[in-house]
Amino acid sequence: MTVRPHWRKSSYSEGGDGNTCVEIAALPTRVAIRDSKAPSRGTVTIPVGSFAALIQSLKMTTV
């Protein structure tokens, strides 16, 4: 049985035309990432730990 991912868009994508964002979906051991304006074009999946490190790195660069 395949579980369909629950895609979430960043709250930062509100306003404007709303199509300059990515969506993420939590999977059991990975995080899936896709383009919100072209979701059928494919996804990238990365391990949960790597995704957490990416987010932490991004937070540090926006300070």
N, C-alpha and C. Protein backbone atom coordinates (compact mmCIF):
# COMPACT_ATOMS: atom_id res chain seq x y z
N MET A 1 0.84 -1.18 0.00
CA MET A 1 0.00 0.00 0.00
C MET A 1 0.88 1.24 0.00
N THR A 2 0.59 2.18 -0.88
CA THR A 2 1.35 3.42 -0.98
C THR A 2 0.60 4.52 -0.25
N VAL A 3 1.31 5.26 0.59
CA VAL A 3 0.72 6.38 1.31
C VAL A 3 0.93 7.65 0.50
N ARG A 4 -0.14 8.38 0.26
CA ARG A 4 -0.03 9.64 -0.47
C ARG A 4 0.51 10.71 0.47
N PRO A 5 1.53 11.45 0.05
CA PRO A 5 2.08 12.48 0.92
C PRO A 5 1.11 13.64 1.12
N HIS A 6 1.19 14.25 2.29
CA HIS A 6 0.41 15.45 2.60
C HIS A 6 1.32 16.64 2.35
N TRP A 7 1.11 17.36 1.27
CA TRP A 7 1.97 18.48 0.88
C TRP A 7 1.58 19.74 1.63
N ARG A 8 2.61 20.48 2.09
CA ARG A 8 2.41 21.76 2.79
C ARG A 8 3.22 22.84 2.10
N LYS A 9 2.61 24.00 1.95
CA LYS A 9 3.30 25.15 1.37
C LYS A 9 3.69 26.10 2.49
N SER A 10 4.81 26.73 2.35
CA SER A 10 5.30 27.67 3.36
C SER A 10 4.32 28.82 3.56
N SER A 11 4.20 29.27 4.80
CA SER A 11 3.35 30.44 5.08
C SER A 11 3.94 31.69 4.44
N TYR A 12 5.21 31.66 4.10
CA TYR A 12 5.85 32.80 3.43
C TYR A 12 5.40 32.94 1.98
N SER A 13 4.69 31.98 1.45
CA SER A 13 4.25 32.05 0.06
C SER A 13 2.98 32.87 -0.10
N GLU A 14 2.38 33.30 0.98
CA GLU A 14 1.16 34.11 0.91
C GLU A 14 1.50 35.47 0.33
N GLY A 15 0.52 36.09 -0.32
CA GLY A 15 0.73 37.40 -0.91
C GLY A 15 1.36 37.29 -2.28
N GLY A 16 1.37 38.37 -3.01
CA GLY A 16 1.93 38.34 -4.35
C GLY A 16 1.18 37.34 -5.21
N ASP A 17 1.88 36.75 -6.15
CA ASP A 17 1.21 35.77 -7.00
C ASP A 17 1.22 34.38 -6.39
N GLY A 18 1.95 34.19 -5.30
CA GLY A 18 1.90 32.93 -4.55
C GLY A 18 2.50 31.73 -5.25
N ASN A 19 3.25 31.96 -6.32
CA ASN A 19 3.77 30.80 -7.04
C ASN A 19 5.29 30.71 -7.01
N THR A 20 5.90 31.31 -6.04
CA THR A 20 7.36 31.28 -5.96
C THR A 20 7.80 30.51 -4.72
N CYS A 21 7.21 29.38 -4.52
CA CYS A 21 7.49 28.63 -3.31
C CYS A 21 7.63 27.16 -3.60
N VAL A 22 8.15 26.45 -2.63
CA VAL A 22 8.20 25.01 -2.70
C VAL A 22 7.22 24.43 -1.70
N GLU A 23 6.88 23.17 -1.89
CA GLU A 23 6.04 22.45 -0.96
C GLU A 23 6.86 21.30 -0.41
N ILE A 24 6.54 20.92 0.82
CA ILE A 24 7.23 19.78 1.44
C ILE A 24 6.19 18.77 1.94
N ALA A 25 6.62 17.53 2.03
CA ALA A 25 5.78 16.47 2.58
C ALA A 25 6.68 15.57 3.41
N ALA A 26 6.25 15.30 4.63
CA ALA A 26 7.00 14.40 5.52
C ALA A 26 6.69 12.96 5.14
N LEU A 27 7.74 12.20 4.93
CA LEU A 27 7.64 10.76 4.68
C LEU A 27 8.26 10.06 5.88
N PRO A 28 8.13 8.74 6.00
CA PRO A 28 8.65 8.07 7.20
C PRO A 28 10.12 8.36 7.53
N THR A 29 11.00 8.37 6.56
CA THR A 29 12.42 8.59 6.84
C THR A 29 13.03 9.70 5.99
N ARG A 30 12.21 10.35 5.17
CA ARG A 30 12.71 11.36 4.25
C ARG A 30 11.74 12.53 4.20
N VAL A 31 12.14 13.62 3.57
CA VAL A 31 11.27 14.76 3.31
C VAL A 31 11.25 14.95 1.80
N ALA A 32 10.05 15.05 1.24
CA ALA A 32 9.89 15.27 -0.19
C ALA A 32 9.72 16.77 -0.43
N ILE A 33 10.30 17.26 -1.50
CA ILE A 33 10.26 18.68 -1.85
C ILE A 33 9.85 18.78 -3.32
N ARG A 34 8.92 19.71 -3.62
CA ARG A 34 8.53 19.93 -5.01
C ARG A 34 8.21 21.40 -5.25
N ASP A 35 8.21 21.77 -6.50
CA ASP A 35 7.89 23.13 -6.93
C ASP A 35 6.38 23.32 -6.86
N SER A 36 5.92 24.33 -6.14
CA SER A 36 4.48 24.51 -5.97
C SER A 36 3.78 24.93 -7.25
N LYS A 37 4.48 25.54 -8.19
CA LYS A 37 3.83 25.96 -9.42
C LYS A 37 3.86 24.87 -10.50
N ALA A 38 4.62 23.81 -10.27
CA ALA A 38 4.67 22.70 -11.21
C ALA A 38 4.81 21.38 -10.45
N PRO A 39 3.83 21.03 -9.62
CA PRO A 39 3.97 19.85 -8.75
C PRO A 39 4.09 18.53 -9.49
N SER A 40 3.61 18.44 -10.69
CA SER A 40 3.68 17.16 -11.41
C SER A 40 5.03 16.94 -12.10
N ARG A 41 5.92 17.91 -12.03
CA ARG A 41 7.22 17.78 -12.71
C ARG A 41 8.20 16.92 -11.93
N GLY A 42 7.88 16.54 -10.72
CA GLY A 42 8.76 15.65 -9.97
C GLY A 42 9.08 16.18 -8.59
N THR A 43 9.72 15.34 -7.81
CA THR A 43 10.08 15.69 -6.44
C THR A 43 11.53 15.31 -6.17
N VAL A 44 12.06 15.93 -5.15
CA VAL A 44 13.37 15.57 -4.61
C VAL A 44 13.12 15.09 -3.20
N THR A 45 13.73 13.99 -2.80
CA THR A 45 13.60 13.54 -1.41
C THR A 45 14.97 13.49 -0.78
N ILE A 46 15.02 13.91 0.48
CA ILE A 46 16.27 13.89 1.23
C ILE A 46 16.00 13.32 2.63
N PRO A 47 17.02 12.74 3.26
CA PRO A 47 16.84 12.21 4.61
C PRO A 47 16.40 13.32 5.59
N VAL A 48 15.62 12.93 6.57
CA VAL A 48 15.09 13.88 7.56
C VAL A 48 16.22 14.69 8.21
N GLY A 49 17.30 14.04 8.60
CA GLY A 49 18.41 14.75 9.24
C GLY A 49 19.05 15.79 8.33
N SER A 50 19.18 15.47 7.07
CA SER A 50 19.74 16.43 6.11
C SER A 50 18.80 17.61 5.91
N PHE A 51 17.49 17.35 5.90
CA PHE A 51 16.53 18.43 5.76
C PHE A 51 16.60 19.36 6.97
N ALA A 52 16.69 18.78 8.15
CA ALA A 52 16.80 19.60 9.38
C ALA A 52 18.06 20.47 9.33
N ALA A 53 19.17 19.91 8.86
CA ALA A 53 20.40 20.68 8.74
C ALA A 53 20.25 21.79 7.71
N LEU A 54 19.57 21.52 6.61
CA LEU A 54 19.33 22.54 5.59
C LEU A 54 18.52 23.70 6.17
N ILE A 55 17.45 23.39 6.87
CA ILE A 55 16.60 24.43 7.47
C ILE A 55 17.40 25.25 8.48
N GLN A 56 18.18 24.58 9.31
CA GLN A 56 19.00 25.29 10.30
C GLN A 56 19.99 26.22 9.60
N SER A 57 20.60 25.76 8.54
CA SER A 57 21.53 26.58 7.78
C SER A 57 20.84 27.80 7.17
N LEU A 58 19.64 27.60 6.63
CA LEU A 58 18.90 28.71 6.05
C LEU A 58 18.51 29.73 7.10
N LYS A 59 18.14 29.26 8.28
CA LYS A 59 17.77 30.18 9.35
C LYS A 59 18.97 31.03 9.76
N MET A 60 20.15 30.45 9.75
CA MET A 60 21.35 31.18 10.16
C MET A 60 21.74 32.24 9.12
N THR A 61 21.42 32.02 7.85
CA THR A 61 21.79 32.98 6.81
C THR A 61 20.79 34.11 6.70
N THR A 62 19.62 33.98 7.33
CA THR A 62 18.62 35.04 7.23
C THR A 62 18.65 35.97 8.44
N VAL A 63 19.55 35.73 9.36
CA VAL A 63 19.62 36.57 10.57
C VAL A 63 20.32 37.86 10.27
